[in-house]
Amino acid sequence: MRKRPFFQYKTGAKESIEKLADVFGELKGFEESKDLYGENARKFGNPDLITKAVKDIEAIKITVDNMKALWDHIETCQ
């Protein structure tokens, strides 16, 4: 995640905000997959198999939300 261009200031606010929008789309896909896999894990009696994935997705969402707020602020300041 940290290798994405929106972690670099030289990328600029406009491009970074666009890239972050793409990441929000990716996260939506991950959440849909997580729901499907979670349902299958529950069916087979192992709902805790996706616990790490759920925690990772939540951590990524927090990071992306923070980066979005940062780039919005940078854009306002510029």
Protein backbone atom coordinates (compact mmCIF):
# COMPACT_ATOMS: atom_id res chain seq x y z
CA MET A 1 0.00 0.00 0.00
CA ARG A 2 2.76 2.45 0.90
CA LYS A 3 4.19 2.13 -2.61
CA ARG A 4 1.10 3.74 -4.13
CA PRO A 5 1.67 7.16 -5.75
CA PHE A 6 -0.64 9.03 -3.37
CA PHE A 7 1.90 8.48 -0.58
CA GLN A 8 4.35 10.73 -2.46
CA TYR A 9 3.97 14.50 -2.23
CA LYS A 10 5.40 14.92 -5.72
CA THR A 11 2.31 13.17 -7.13
CA GLY A 12 0.23 16.25 -6.42
CA ALA A 13 -3.20 16.72 -4.92
CA LYS A 14 -5.33 16.23 -8.03
CA GLU A 15 -3.73 12.96 -9.15
CA SER A 16 -3.54 11.63 -5.59
CA ILE A 17 -7.24 12.24 -5.02
CA GLU A 18 -8.03 10.44 -8.28
CA LYS A 19 -5.84 7.48 -7.27
CA LEU A 20 -7.53 7.35 -3.87
CA ALA A 21 -10.92 7.13 -5.59
CA ASP A 22 -9.62 4.04 -7.40
CA VAL A 23 -8.57 2.52 -4.08
CA PHE A 24 -12.05 3.11 -2.65
CA GLY A 25 -13.38 1.06 -5.59
CA GLU A 26 -10.88 -1.70 -4.91
CA LEU A 27 -11.90 -1.76 -1.25
CA LYS A 28 -15.54 -2.15 -2.22
CA GLY A 29 -14.58 -5.23 -4.25
CA PHE A 30 -12.57 -6.63 -1.35
CA GLU A 31 -15.50 -6.14 1.00
CA GLU A 32 -17.84 -7.96 -1.37
CA SER A 33 -15.37 -10.85 -1.58
CA LYS A 34 -14.96 -10.82 2.18
CA ASP A 35 -18.71 -11.11 2.61
CA LEU A 36 -18.87 -14.05 0.22
CA TYR A 37 -15.92 -15.84 1.83
CA GLY A 38 -17.26 -15.05 5.28
CA GLU A 39 -20.57 -16.65 4.42
CA ASN A 40 -18.79 -19.75 3.14
CA ALA A 41 -16.58 -19.88 6.24
CA ARG A 42 -19.69 -19.72 8.44
CA LYS A 43 -21.35 -22.49 6.46
CA PHE A 44 -18.37 -24.75 7.10
CA GLY A 45 -18.16 -23.84 10.78
CA ASN A 46 -14.99 -21.70 10.64
CA PRO A 47 -16.11 -18.06 10.72
CA ASP A 48 -12.85 -16.94 12.30
CA LEU A 49 -10.88 -17.87 9.17
CA ILE A 50 -11.52 -14.43 7.68
CA THR A 51 -10.86 -12.44 10.86
CA LYS A 52 -7.42 -11.32 9.68
CA ALA A 53 -8.81 -10.25 6.31
CA VAL A 54 -11.52 -8.21 8.02
CA LYS A 55 -8.95 -6.49 10.24
CA ASP A 56 -6.67 -5.79 7.27
CA ILE A 57 -9.49 -4.28 5.22
CA GLU A 58 -10.51 -2.07 8.15
CA ALA A 59 -6.91 -0.88 8.61
CA ILE A 60 -6.62 -0.08 4.90
CA LYS A 61 -9.90 1.85 5.02
CA ILE A 62 -8.60 3.95 7.90
CA THR A 63 -5.34 4.65 6.07
CA VAL A 64 -7.12 5.58 2.84
CA ASP A 65 -9.58 7.83 4.69
CA ASN A 66 -6.68 9.58 6.41
CA MET A 67 -4.82 10.04 3.12
CA LYS A 68 -7.97 11.45 1.51
CA ALA A 69 -8.36 13.97 4.33
CA LEU A 70 -4.68 14.91 4.03
CA TRP A 71 -4.84 15.45 0.26
CA ASP A 72 -8.08 17.42 0.58
CA HIS A 73 -6.34 19.68 3.08
CA ILE A 74 -3.26 20.05 0.87
CA GLU A 75 -5.48 20.94 -2.09
CA THR A 76 -7.28 23.57 -0.02
CA CYS A 77 -4.00 25.07 1.16
CA GLN A 78 -2.58 25.24 -2.36
